[in-house]
Amino acid sequence: MGKTIDEALNNAVESLRQWAEIASARGKVIPEPRSPDAIRADAQFAEDFATGATLGNVTLVRKLGRTVKANLSLDSGILAEIDATAGRLGISRSAMVEKLAEERLPAFA
């Protein structure tokens, strides 16, 4: 829910993440994402679309509880700002990059 579509989509990101965590903990299978065309073609949603439903993309960004080493190449100025910001927050460079990705990836859905 939300007062605007953008607010509703932002709320949906967190709701989807929480649902996925609970479903996984209960042994449920998280369904694979479907394209907008596949959803529109699904008879289960025909009435919704016929009465004005809107379809939006929501990215599921899950924390799986295991770290993976990644070798990234970044512009030296961007890396310096990541390090400075991480230092101000008292977190590592890796934690800073993870935080940035977690917060911004849904915007690219």
PDB file of N, CA and C in Angstrom:
ATOM      1  N   MET A   1       0.844  -1.170   0.000  1.00  0.00           N
ATOM      2  CA  MET A   1       0.000   0.000   0.000  1.00  0.00           C
ATOM      3  C   MET A   1       0.890   1.232   0.000  1.00  0.00           C
ATOM      4  N   GLY A   2       0.307   2.314  -0.419  1.00  0.00           N
ATOM      5  CA  GLY A   2       1.010   3.580  -0.427  1.00  0.00           C
ATOM      6  C   GLY A   2       0.122   4.662  -1.009  1.00  0.00           C
ATOM      7  N   LYS A   3       0.473   5.899  -0.739  1.00  0.00           N
ATOM      8  CA  LYS A   3      -0.312   7.019  -1.263  1.00  0.00           C
ATOM      9  C   LYS A   3      -0.044   7.241  -2.745  1.00  0.00           C
ATOM     10  N   THR A   4       1.137   6.829  -3.212  1.00  0.00           N
ATOM     11  CA  THR A   4       1.484   6.950  -4.631  1.00  0.00           C
ATOM     12  C   THR A   4       1.949   5.587  -5.135  1.00  0.00           C
ATOM     13  N   ILE A   5       2.039   5.457  -6.446  1.00  0.00           N
ATOM     14  CA  ILE A   5       2.530   4.195  -7.017  1.00  0.00           C
ATOM     15  C   ILE A   5       3.973   3.966  -6.586  1.00  0.00           C
ATOM     16  N   ASP A   6       4.805   5.020  -6.608  1.00  0.00           N
ATOM     17  CA  ASP A   6       6.200   4.869  -6.180  1.00  0.00           C
ATOM     18  C   ASP A   6       6.301   4.411  -4.732  1.00  0.00           C
ATOM     19  N   GLU A   7       5.482   4.972  -3.881  1.00  0.00           N
ATOM     20  CA  GLU A   7       5.487   4.580  -2.462  1.00  0.00           C
ATOM     21  C   GLU A   7       5.045   3.122  -2.317  1.00  0.00           C
ATOM     22  N   ALA A   8       4.035   2.738  -3.065  1.00  0.00           N
ATOM     23  CA  ALA A   8       3.566   1.349  -3.014  1.00  0.00           C
ATOM     24  C   ALA A   8       4.648   0.388  -3.495  1.00  0.00           C
ATOM     25  N   LEU A   9       5.355   0.746  -4.565  1.00  0.00           N
ATOM     26  CA  LEU A   9       6.432  -0.118  -5.064  1.00  0.00           C
ATOM     27  C   LEU A   9       7.568  -0.216  -4.058  1.00  0.00           C
ATOM     28  N   ASN A  10       7.919   0.898  -3.422  1.00  0.00           N
ATOM     29  CA  ASN A  10       8.963   0.853  -2.394  1.00  0.00           C
ATOM     30  C   ASN A  10       8.545  -0.047  -1.233  1.00  0.00           C
ATOM     31  N   ASN A  11       7.298   0.044  -0.825  1.00  0.00           N
ATOM     32  CA  ASN A  11       6.801  -0.815   0.246  1.00  0.00           C
ATOM     33  C   ASN A  11       6.777  -2.271  -0.200  1.00  0.00           C
ATOM     34  N   ALA A  12       6.495  -2.499  -1.475  1.00  0.00           N
ATOM     35  CA  ALA A  12       6.443  -3.866  -2.003  1.00  0.00           C
ATOM     36  C   ALA A  12       7.814  -4.531  -1.959  1.00  0.00           C
ATOM     37  N   VAL A  13       8.873  -3.763  -2.167  1.00  0.00           N
ATOM     38  CA  VAL A  13      10.232  -4.312  -2.117  1.00  0.00           C
ATOM     39  C   VAL A  13      10.486  -4.937  -0.746  1.00  0.00           C
ATOM     40  N   GLU A  14      10.193  -4.187   0.308  1.00  0.00           N
ATOM     41  CA  GLU A  14      10.423  -4.697   1.670  1.00  0.00           C
ATOM     42  C   GLU A  14       9.467  -5.843   1.993  1.00  0.00           C
ATOM     43  N   SER A  15       8.226  -5.733   1.573  1.00  0.00           N
ATOM     44  CA  SER A  15       7.248  -6.795   1.826  1.00  0.00           C
ATOM     45  C   SER A  15       7.665  -8.094   1.144  1.00  0.00           C
ATOM     46  N   LEU A  16       8.118  -7.988  -0.094  1.00  0.00           N
ATOM     47  CA  LEU A  16       8.555  -9.179  -0.832  1.00  0.00           C
ATOM     48  C   LEU A  16       9.752  -9.822  -0.147  1.00  0.00           C
ATOM     49  N   ARG A  17      10.701  -9.009   0.296  1.00  0.00           N
ATOM     50  CA  ARG A  17      11.885  -9.539   0.981  1.00  0.00           C
ATOM     51  C   ARG A  17      11.479 -10.281   2.259  1.00  0.00           C
ATOM     52  N   GLN A  18      10.589  -9.668   3.048  1.00  0.00           N
ATOM     53  CA  GLN A  18      10.152 -10.317   4.287  1.00  0.00           C
ATOM     54  C   GLN A  18       9.395 -11.600   3.991  1.00  0.00           C
ATOM     55  N   TRP A  19       8.529 -11.586   2.975  1.00  0.00           N
ATOM     56  CA  TRP A  19       7.793 -12.790   2.608  1.00  0.00           C
ATOM     57  C   TRP A  19       8.762 -13.898   2.204  1.00  0.00           C
ATOM     58  N   ALA A  20       9.764 -13.556   1.387  1.00  0.00           N
ATOM     59  CA  ALA A  20      10.726 -14.559   0.916  1.00  0.00           C
ATOM     60  C   ALA A  20      11.507 -15.159   2.082  1.00  0.00           C
ATOM     61  N   GLU A  21      11.886 -14.333   3.055  1.00  0.00           N
ATOM     62  CA  GLU A  21      12.616 -14.840   4.219  1.00  0.00           C
ATOM     63  C   GLU A  21      11.760 -15.818   5.013  1.00  0.00           C
ATOM     64  N   ILE A  22      10.507 -15.466   5.240  1.00  0.00           N
ATOM     65  CA  ILE A  22       9.605 -16.334   5.999  1.00  0.00           C
ATOM     66  C   ILE A  22       9.307 -17.612   5.220  1.00  0.00           C
ATOM     67  N   ALA A  23       9.019 -17.469   3.933  1.00  0.00           N
ATOM     68  CA  ALA A  23       8.714 -18.641   3.103  1.00  0.00           C
ATOM     69  C   ALA A  23       9.902 -19.592   3.066  1.00  0.00           C
ATOM     70  N   SER A  24      11.104 -19.064   2.892  1.00  0.00           N
ATOM     71  CA  SER A  24      12.307 -19.905   2.866  1.00  0.00           C
ATOM     72  C   SER A  24      12.510 -20.619   4.192  1.00  0.00           C
ATOM     73  N   ALA A  25      12.314 -19.889   5.297  1.00  0.00           N
ATOM     74  CA  ALA A  25      12.476 -20.485   6.625  1.00  0.00           C
ATOM     75  C   ALA A  25      11.489 -21.629   6.849  1.00  0.00           C
ATOM     76  N   ARG A  26      10.342 -21.541   6.191  1.00  0.00           N
ATOM     77  CA  ARG A  26       9.323 -22.591   6.322  1.00  0.00           C
ATOM     78  C   ARG A  26       9.461 -23.680   5.265  1.00  0.00           C
ATOM     79  N   GLY A  27      10.540 -23.609   4.472  1.00  0.00           N
ATOM     80  CA  GLY A  27      10.803 -24.640   3.474  1.00  0.00           C
ATOM     81  C   GLY A  27      10.027 -24.473   2.174  1.00  0.00           C
ATOM     82  N   LYS A  28       9.409 -23.334   1.984  1.00  0.00           N
ATOM     83  CA  LYS A  28       8.651 -23.082   0.754  1.00  0.00           C
ATOM     84  C   LYS A  28       9.614 -22.720  -0.373  1.00  0.00           C
ATOM     85  N   VAL A  29       9.213 -23.034  -1.585  1.00  0.00           N
ATOM     86  CA  VAL A  29      10.007 -22.692  -2.754  1.00  0.00           C
ATOM     87  C   VAL A  29       9.619 -21.288  -3.210  1.00  0.00           C
ATOM     88  N   ILE A  30      10.618 -20.458  -3.442  1.00  0.00           N
ATOM     89  CA  ILE A  30      10.375 -19.105  -3.944  1.00  0.00           C
ATOM     90  C   ILE A  30      10.227 -19.234  -5.463  1.00  0.00           C
ATOM     91  N   PRO A  31       9.083 -18.835  -6.009  1.00  0.00           N
ATOM     92  CA  PRO A  31       8.891 -18.988  -7.453  1.00  0.00           C
ATOM     93  C   PRO A  31       9.864 -18.114  -8.253  1.00  0.00           C
ATOM     94  N   GLU A  32      10.199 -18.591  -9.434  1.00  0.00           N
ATOM     95  CA  GLU A  32      11.052 -17.820 -10.329  1.00  0.00           C
ATOM     96  C   GLU A  32      10.297 -16.581 -10.806  1.00  0.00           C
ATOM     97  N   PRO A  33      11.007 -15.483 -11.034  1.00  0.00           N
ATOM     98  CA  PRO A  33      10.339 -14.285 -11.550  1.00  0.00           C
ATOM     99  C   PRO A  33       9.731 -14.545 -12.929  1.00  0.00           C
ATOM    100  N   ARG A  34       8.633 -13.863 -13.218  1.00  0.00           N
ATOM    101  CA  ARG A  34       7.999 -13.968 -14.531  1.00  0.00           C
ATOM    102  C   ARG A  34       8.020 -12.611 -15.199  1.00  0.00           C
ATOM    103  N   SER A  35       8.042 -12.637 -16.516  1.00  0.00           N
ATOM    104  CA  SER A  35       8.043 -11.385 -17.265  1.00  0.00           C
ATOM    105  C   SER A  35       6.665 -10.732 -17.153  1.00  0.00           C
ATOM    106  N   PRO A  36       6.600  -9.421 -17.360  1.00  0.00           N
ATOM    107  CA  PRO A  36       5.294  -8.752 -17.364  1.00  0.00           C
ATOM    108  C   PRO A  36       4.337  -9.366 -18.391  1.00  0.00           C
ATOM    109  N   ASP A  37       4.857  -9.738 -19.560  1.00  0.00           N
ATOM    110  CA  ASP A  37       3.998 -10.351 -20.586  1.00  0.00           C
ATOM    111  C   ASP A  37       3.408 -11.672 -20.109  1.00  0.00           C
ATOM    112  N   ALA A  38       4.213 -12.464 -19.408  1.00  0.00           N
ATOM    113  CA  ALA A  38       3.717 -13.745 -18.897  1.00  0.00           C
ATOM    114  C   ALA A  38       2.628 -13.528 -17.847  1.00  0.00           C
ATOM    115  N   ILE A  39       2.785 -12.521 -17.025  1.00  0.00           N
ATOM    116  CA  ILE A  39       1.780 -12.234 -15.997  1.00  0.00           C
ATOM    117  C   ILE A  39       0.494 -11.735 -16.647  1.00  0.00           C
ATOM    118  N   ARG A  40       0.645 -10.842 -17.629  1.00  0.00           N
ATOM    119  CA  ARG A  40      -0.548 -10.331 -18.328  1.00  0.00           C
ATOM    120  C   ARG A  40      -1.312 -11.451 -19.030  1.00  0.00           C
ATOM    121  N   ALA A  41      -0.593 -12.473 -19.504  1.00  0.00           N
ATOM    122  CA  ALA A  41      -1.219 -13.582 -20.222  1.00  0.00           C
ATOM    123  C   ALA A  41      -1.833 -14.624 -19.290  1.00  0.00           C
ATOM    124  N   ASP A  42      -1.562 -14.536 -17.998  1.00  0.00           N
ATOM    125  CA  ASP A  42      -2.063 -15.501 -17.023  1.00  0.00           C
ATOM    126  C   ASP A  42      -3.541 -15.231 -16.744  1.00  0.00           C
ATOM    127  N   ALA A  43      -4.377 -16.218 -17.010  1.00  0.00           N
ATOM    128  CA  ALA A  43      -5.829 -16.070 -16.825  1.00  0.00           C
ATOM    129  C   ALA A  43      -6.189 -15.720 -15.379  1.00  0.00           C
ATOM    130  N   GLN A  44      -5.331 -16.103 -14.443  1.00  0.00           N
ATOM    131  CA  GLN A  44      -5.578 -15.813 -13.024  1.00  0.00           C
ATOM    132  C   GLN A  44      -5.708 -14.304 -12.777  1.00  0.00           C
ATOM    133  N   PHE A  45      -5.060 -13.483 -13.617  1.00  0.00           N
ATOM    134  CA  PHE A  45      -5.061 -12.041 -13.401  1.00  0.00           C
ATOM    135  C   PHE A  45      -5.900 -11.280 -14.420  1.00  0.00           C
ATOM    136  N   ALA A  46      -6.598 -11.984 -15.302  1.00  0.00           N
ATOM    137  CA  ALA A  46      -7.359 -11.334 -16.376  1.00  0.00           C
ATOM    138  C   ALA A  46      -8.366 -10.323 -15.833  1.00  0.00           C
ATOM    139  N   GLU A  47      -9.110 -10.704 -14.807  1.00  0.00           N
ATOM    140  CA  GLU A  47     -10.119  -9.800 -14.253  1.00  0.00           C
ATOM    141  C   GLU A  47      -9.470  -8.563 -13.637  1.00  0.00           C
ATOM    142  N   ASP A  48      -8.335  -8.765 -12.965  1.00  0.00           N
ATOM    143  CA  ASP A  48      -7.628  -7.634 -12.355  1.00  0.00           C
ATOM    144  C   ASP A  48      -7.239  -6.604 -13.414  1.00  0.00           C
ATOM    145  N   PHE A  49      -6.644  -7.070 -14.516  1.00  0.00           N
ATOM    146  CA  PHE A  49      -6.220  -6.150 -15.569  1.00  0.00           C
ATOM    147  C   PHE A  49      -7.417  -5.526 -16.273  1.00  0.00           C
ATOM    148  N   ALA A  50      -8.509  -6.274 -16.396  1.00  0.00           N
ATOM    149  CA  ALA A  50      -9.710  -5.755 -17.050  1.00  0.00           C
ATOM    150  C   ALA A  50     -10.351  -4.620 -16.243  1.00  0.00           C
ATOM    151  N   THR A  51     -10.106  -4.627 -14.936  1.00  0.00           N
ATOM    152  CA  THR A  51     -10.700  -3.585 -14.086  1.00  0.00           C
ATOM    153  C   THR A  51      -9.689  -2.507 -13.692  1.00  0.00           C
ATOM    154  N   GLY A  52      -8.555  -2.446 -14.421  1.00  0.00           N
ATOM    155  CA  GLY A  52      -7.625  -1.332 -14.238  1.00  0.00           C
ATOM    156  C   GLY A  52      -6.399  -1.584 -13.393  1.00  0.00           C
ATOM    157  N   ALA A  53      -6.092  -2.838 -13.092  1.00  0.00           N
ATOM    158  CA  ALA A  53      -4.893  -3.120 -12.297  1.00  0.00           C
ATOM    159  C   ALA A  53      -3.646  -2.649 -13.044  1.00  0.00           C
ATOM    160  N   THR A  54      -2.647  -2.245 -12.296  1.00  0.00           N
ATOM    161  CA  THR A  54      -1.368  -1.813 -12.847  1.00  0.00           C
ATOM    162  C   THR A  54      -0.306  -2.820 -12.450  1.00  0.00           C
ATOM    163  N   LEU A  55       0.637  -3.036 -13.344  1.00  0.00           N
ATOM    164  CA  LEU A  55       1.707  -3.995 -13.101  1.00  0.00           C
ATOM    165  C   LEU A  55       3.013  -3.243 -12.933  1.00  0.00           C
ATOM    166  N   GLY A  56       3.756  -3.543 -11.878  1.00  0.00           N
ATOM    167  CA  GLY A  56       5.056  -2.915 -11.642  1.00  0.00           C
ATOM    168  C   GLY A  56       6.104  -3.974 -11.356  1.00  0.00           C
ATOM    169  N   ASN A  57       7.353  -3.649 -11.599  1.00  0.00           N
ATOM    170  CA  ASN A  57       8.457  -4.565 -11.316  1.00  0.00           C
ATOM    171  C   ASN A  57       8.974  -4.330  -9.907  1.00  0.00           C
ATOM    172  N   VAL A  58       9.188  -5.418  -9.193  1.00  0.00           N
ATOM    173  CA  VAL A  58       9.769  -5.355  -7.857  1.00  0.00           C
ATOM    174  C   VAL A  58      10.922  -6.350  -7.828  1.00  0.00           C
ATOM    175  N   THR A  59      12.106  -5.868  -7.479  1.00  0.00           N
ATOM    176  CA  THR A  59      13.285  -6.724  -7.422  1.00  0.00           C
ATOM    177  C   THR A  59      13.406  -7.335  -6.031  1.00  0.00           C
ATOM    178  N   LEU A  60      13.605  -8.641  -5.994  1.00  0.00           N
ATOM    179  CA  LEU A  60      13.828  -9.335  -4.722  1.00  0.00           C
ATOM    180  C   LEU A  60      15.330  -9.383  -4.474  1.00  0.00           C
ATOM    181  N   VAL A  61      15.780  -8.646  -3.480  1.00  0.00           N
ATOM    182  CA  VAL A  61      17.181  -8.651  -3.082  1.00  0.00           C
ATOM    183  C   VAL A  61      17.239  -9.405  -1.762  1.00  0.00           C
ATOM    184  N   ARG A  62      17.780 -10.628  -1.820  1.00  0.00           N
ATOM    185  CA  ARG A  62      17.791 -11.483  -0.626  1.00  0.00           C
ATOM    186  C   ARG A  62      19.176 -11.564  -0.022  1.00  0.00           C
ATOM    187  N   LYS A  63      19.216 -11.572   1.287  1.00  0.00           N
ATOM    188  CA  LYS A  63      20.445 -11.881   2.007  1.00  0.00           C
ATOM    189  C   LYS A  63      20.391 -13.372   2.311  1.00  0.00           C
ATOM    190  N   LEU A  64      21.379 -14.107   1.809  1.00  0.00           N
ATOM    191  CA  LEU A  64      21.376 -15.560   1.970  1.00  0.00           C
ATOM    192  C   LEU A  64      22.256 -16.037   3.115  1.00  0.00           C
ATOM    193  N   GLY A  65      22.936 -15.104   3.793  1.00  0.00           N
ATOM    194  CA  GLY A  65      23.705 -15.466   4.970  1.00  0.00           C
ATOM    195  C   GLY A  65      25.064 -16.075   4.675  1.00  0.00           C
ATOM    196  N   ARG A  66      25.530 -15.973   3.451  1.00  0.00           N
ATOM    197  CA  ARG A  66      26.872 -16.459   3.146  1.00  0.00           C
ATOM    198  C   ARG A  66      27.575 -15.408   2.291  1.00  0.00           C
ATOM    199  N   THR A  67      28.830 -15.175   2.599  1.00  0.00           N
ATOM    200  CA  THR A  67      29.579 -14.179   1.845  1.00  0.00           C
ATOM    201  C   THR A  67      30.321 -14.839   0.692  1.00  0.00           C
ATOM    202  N   VAL A  68      30.522 -14.061  -0.351  1.00  0.00           N
ATOM    203  CA  VAL A  68      31.255 -14.509  -1.526  1.00  0.00           C
ATOM    204  C   VAL A  68      32.248 -13.410  -1.870  1.00  0.00           C
ATOM    205  N   LYS A  69      33.489 -13.789  -2.104  1.00  0.00           N
ATOM    206  CA  LYS A  69      34.501 -12.818  -2.472  1.00  0.00           C
ATOM    207  C   LYS A  69      34.270 -12.384  -3.912  1.00  0.00           C
ATOM    208  N   ALA A  70      34.369 -11.064  -4.160  1.00  0.00           N
ATOM    209  CA  ALA A  70      34.189 -10.528  -5.503  1.00  0.00           C
ATOM    210  C   ALA A  70      35.305  -9.528  -5.784  1.00  0.00           C
ATOM    211  N   ASN A  71      35.890  -9.622  -6.945  1.00  0.00           N
ATOM    212  CA  ASN A  71      36.935  -8.697  -7.357  1.00  0.00           C
ATOM    213  C   ASN A  71      36.302  -7.662  -8.280  1.00  0.00           C
ATOM    214  N   LEU A  72      36.210  -6.416  -7.823  1.00  0.00           N
ATOM    215  CA  LEU A  72      35.568  -5.356  -8.590  1.00  0.00           C
ATOM    216  C   LEU A  72      36.585  -4.296  -8.980  1.00  0.00           C
ATOM    217  N   SER A  73      36.385  -3.710 -10.145  1.00  0.00           N
ATOM    218  CA  SER A  73      37.195  -2.569 -10.570  1.00  0.00           C
ATOM    219  C   SER A  73      36.303  -1.341 -10.533  1.00  0.00           C
ATOM    220  N   LEU A  74      36.730  -0.326  -9.764  1.00  0.00           N
ATOM    221  CA  LEU A  74      35.952   0.903  -9.608  1.00  0.00           C
ATOM    222  C   LEU A  74      36.838   2.108  -9.888  1.00  0.00           C
ATOM    223  N   ASP A  75      36.240   3.189 -10.300  1.00  0.00           N
ATOM    224  CA  ASP A  75      36.947   4.445 -10.448  1.00  0.00           C
ATOM    225  C   ASP A  75      37.551   4.820  -9.098  1.00  0.00           C
ATOM    226  N   SER A  76      38.770   5.344  -9.114  1.00  0.00           N
ATOM    227  CA  SER A  76      39.469   5.641  -7.859  1.00  0.00           C
ATOM    228  C   SER A  76      38.741   6.694  -7.016  1.00  0.00           C
ATOM    229  N   GLY A  77      38.075   7.648  -7.663  1.00  0.00           N
ATOM    230  CA  GLY A  77      37.320   8.652  -6.920  1.00  0.00           C
ATOM    231  C   GLY A  77      36.102   8.060  -6.235  1.00  0.00           C
ATOM    232  N   ILE A  78      35.410   7.164  -6.935  1.00  0.00           N
ATOM    233  CA  ILE A  78      34.243   6.500  -6.343  1.00  0.00           C
ATOM    234  C   ILE A  78      34.681   5.620  -5.183  1.00  0.00           C
ATOM    235  N   LEU A  79      35.779   4.884  -5.375  1.00  0.00           N
ATOM    236  CA  LEU A  79      36.281   4.019  -4.304  1.00  0.00           C
ATOM    237  C   LEU A  79      36.689   4.845  -3.085  1.00  0.00           C
ATOM    238  N   ALA A  80      37.307   5.993  -3.321  1.00  0.00           N
ATOM    239  CA  ALA A  80      37.705   6.856  -2.205  1.00  0.00           C
ATOM    240  C   ALA A  80      36.483   7.331  -1.421  1.00  0.00           C
ATOM    241  N   GLU A  81      35.406   7.659  -2.127  1.00  0.00           N
ATOM    242  CA  GLU A  81      34.195   8.120  -1.432  1.00  0.00           C
ATOM    243  C   GLU A  81      33.519   6.972  -0.693  1.00  0.00           C
ATOM    244  N   ILE A  82      33.523   5.772  -1.287  1.00  0.00           N
ATOM    245  CA  ILE A  82      32.991   4.593  -0.584  1.00  0.00           C
ATOM    246  C   ILE A  82      33.767   4.379   0.709  1.00  0.00           C
ATOM    247  N   ASP A  83      35.102   4.434   0.618  1.00  0.00           N
ATOM    248  CA  ASP A  83      35.932   4.233   1.814  1.00  0.00           C
ATOM    249  C   ASP A  83      35.696   5.322   2.854  1.00  0.00           C
ATOM    250  N   ALA A  84      35.591   6.571   2.410  1.00  0.00           N
ATOM    251  CA  ALA A  84      35.368   7.674   3.357  1.00  0.00           C
ATOM    252  C   ALA A  84      34.016   7.530   4.056  1.00  0.00           C
ATOM    253  N   THR A  85      32.997   7.199   3.283  1.00  0.00           N
ATOM    254  CA  THR A  85      31.656   7.046   3.866  1.00  0.00           C
ATOM    255  C   THR A  85      31.621   5.850   4.812  1.00  0.00           C
ATOM    256  N   ALA A  86      32.233   4.747   4.395  1.00  0.00           N
ATOM    257  CA  ALA A  86      32.296   3.569   5.266  1.00  0.00           C
ATOM    258  C   ALA A  86      33.008   3.905   6.571  1.00  0.00           C
ATOM    259  N   GLY A  87      34.089   4.681   6.463  1.00  0.00           N
ATOM    260  CA  GLY A  87      34.825   5.086   7.667  1.00  0.00           C
ATOM    261  C   GLY A  87      33.967   5.919   8.605  1.00  0.00           C
ATOM    262  N   ARG A  88      33.207   6.863   8.029  1.00  0.00           N
ATOM    263  CA  ARG A  88      32.324   7.690   8.872  1.00  0.00           C
ATOM    264  C   ARG A  88      31.250   6.850   9.551  1.00  0.00           C
ATOM    265  N   LEU A  89      30.790   5.810   8.854  1.00  0.00           N
ATOM    266  CA  LEU A  89      29.741   4.946   9.421  1.00  0.00           C
ATOM    267  C   LEU A  89      30.300   3.849  10.320  1.00  0.00           C
ATOM    268  N   GLY A  90      31.610   3.685  10.304  1.00  0.00           N
ATOM    269  CA  GLY A  90      32.236   2.657  11.130  1.00  0.00           C
ATOM    270  C   GLY A  90      32.008   1.241  10.605  1.00  0.00           C
ATOM    271  N   ILE A  91      31.928   1.123   9.281  1.00  0.00           N
ATOM    272  CA  ILE A  91      31.738  -0.197   8.668  1.00  0.00           C
ATOM    273  C   ILE A  91      32.841  -0.430   7.635  1.00  0.00           C
ATOM    274  N   SER A  92      32.963  -1.654   7.186  1.00  0.00           N
ATOM    275  CA  SER A  92      33.987  -1.990   6.201  1.00  0.00           C
ATOM    276  C   SER A  92      33.565  -1.550   4.802  1.00  0.00           C
ATOM    277  N   ARG A  93      34.532  -1.522   3.896  1.00  0.00           N
ATOM    278  CA  ARG A  93      34.239  -1.223   2.487  1.00  0.00           C
ATOM    279  C   ARG A  93      33.215  -2.218   1.946  1.00  0.00           C
ATOM    280  N   SER A  94      33.400  -3.491   2.245  1.00  0.00           N
ATOM    281  CA  SER A  94      32.468  -4.515   1.753  1.00  0.00           C
ATOM    282  C   SER A  94      31.060  -4.283   2.279  1.00  0.00           C
ATOM    283  N   ALA A  95      30.949  -3.947   3.552  1.00  0.00           N
ATOM    284  CA  ALA A  95      29.627  -3.683   4.128  1.00  0.00           C
ATOM    285  C   ALA A  95      28.992  -2.460   3.477  1.00  0.00           C
ATOM    286  N   MET A  96      29.818  -1.461   3.139  1.00  0.00           N
ATOM    287  CA  MET A  96      29.304  -0.254   2.485  1.00  0.00           C
ATOM    288  C   MET A  96      28.779  -0.577   1.092  1.00  0.00           C
ATOM    289  N   VAL A  97      29.528  -1.338   0.315  1.00  0.00           N
ATOM    290  CA  VAL A  97      29.093  -1.710  -1.034  1.00  0.00           C
ATOM    291  C   VAL A  97      27.820  -2.549  -0.953  1.00  0.00           C
ATOM    292  N   GLU A  98      27.763  -3.468   0.008  1.00  0.00           N
ATOM    293  CA  GLU A  98      26.560  -4.295   0.177  1.00  0.00           C
ATOM    294  C   GLU A  98      25.354  -3.425   0.532  1.00  0.00           C
ATOM    295  N   LYS A  99      25.554  -2.470   1.421  1.00  0.00           N
ATOM    296  CA  LYS A  99      24.463  -1.567   1.826  1.00  0.00           C
ATOM    297  C   LYS A  99      23.965  -0.753   0.633  1.00  0.00           C
ATOM    298  N   LEU A 100      24.891  -0.209  -0.139  1.00  0.00           N
ATOM    299  CA  LEU A 100      24.510   0.559  -1.327  1.00  0.00           C
ATOM    300  C   LEU A 100      23.722  -0.303  -2.316  1.00  0.00           C
ATOM    301  N   ALA A 101      24.201  -1.493  -2.550  1.00  0.00           N
ATOM    302  CA  ALA A 101      23.528  -2.389  -3.504  1.00  0.00           C
ATOM    303  C   ALA A 101      22.143  -2.778  -3.001  1.00  0.00           C
ATOM    304  N   GLU A 102      22.044  -3.116  -1.743  1.00  0.00           N
ATOM    305  CA  GLU A 102      20.759  -3.528  -1.177  1.00  0.00           C
ATOM    306  C   GLU A 102      19.716  -2.411  -1.288  1.00  0.00           C
ATOM    307  N   GLU A 103      20.151  -1.188  -1.038  1.00  0.00           N
ATOM    308  CA  GLU A 103      19.219  -0.062  -1.071  1.00  0.00           C
ATOM    309  C   GLU A 103      18.877   0.396  -2.487  1.00  0.00           C
ATOM    310  N   ARG A 104      19.813   0.279  -3.420  1.00  0.00           N
ATOM    311  CA  ARG A 104      19.603   0.842  -4.757  1.00  0.00           C
ATOM    312  C   ARG A 104      19.197  -0.158  -5.827  1.00  0.00           C
ATOM    313  N   LEU A 105      19.485  -1.440  -5.675  1.00  0.00           N
ATOM    314  CA  LEU A 105      19.125  -2.415  -6.715  1.00  0.00           C
ATOM    315  C   LEU A 105      17.650  -2.398  -7.072  1.00  0.00           C
ATOM    316  N   PRO A 106      16.740  -2.293  -6.115  1.00  0.00           N
ATOM    317  CA  PRO A 106      15.322  -2.260  -6.495  1.00  0.00           C
ATOM    318  C   PRO A 106      14.952  -1.115  -7.437  1.00  0.00           C
ATOM    319  N   ALA A 107      15.707  -0.044  -7.430  1.00  0.00           N
ATOM    320  CA  ALA A 107      15.415   1.088  -8.316  1.00  0.00           C
ATOM    321  C   ALA A 107      15.657   0.742  -9.776  1.00  0.00           C
ATOM    322  N   PHE A 108      16.387  -0.333 -10.040  1.00  0.00           N
ATOM    323  CA  PHE A 108      16.712  -0.723 -11.408  1.00  0.00           C
ATOM    324  C   PHE A 108      15.784  -1.811 -11.943  1.00  0.00           C
ATOM    325  N   ALA A 109      14.707  -2.109 -11.233  1.00  0.00           N
ATOM    326  CA  ALA A 109      13.777  -3.166 -11.650  1.00  0.00           C
ATOM    327  C   ALA A 109      13.141  -2.821 -12.986  1.00  0.00           C
TER     328      ALA A 109
END
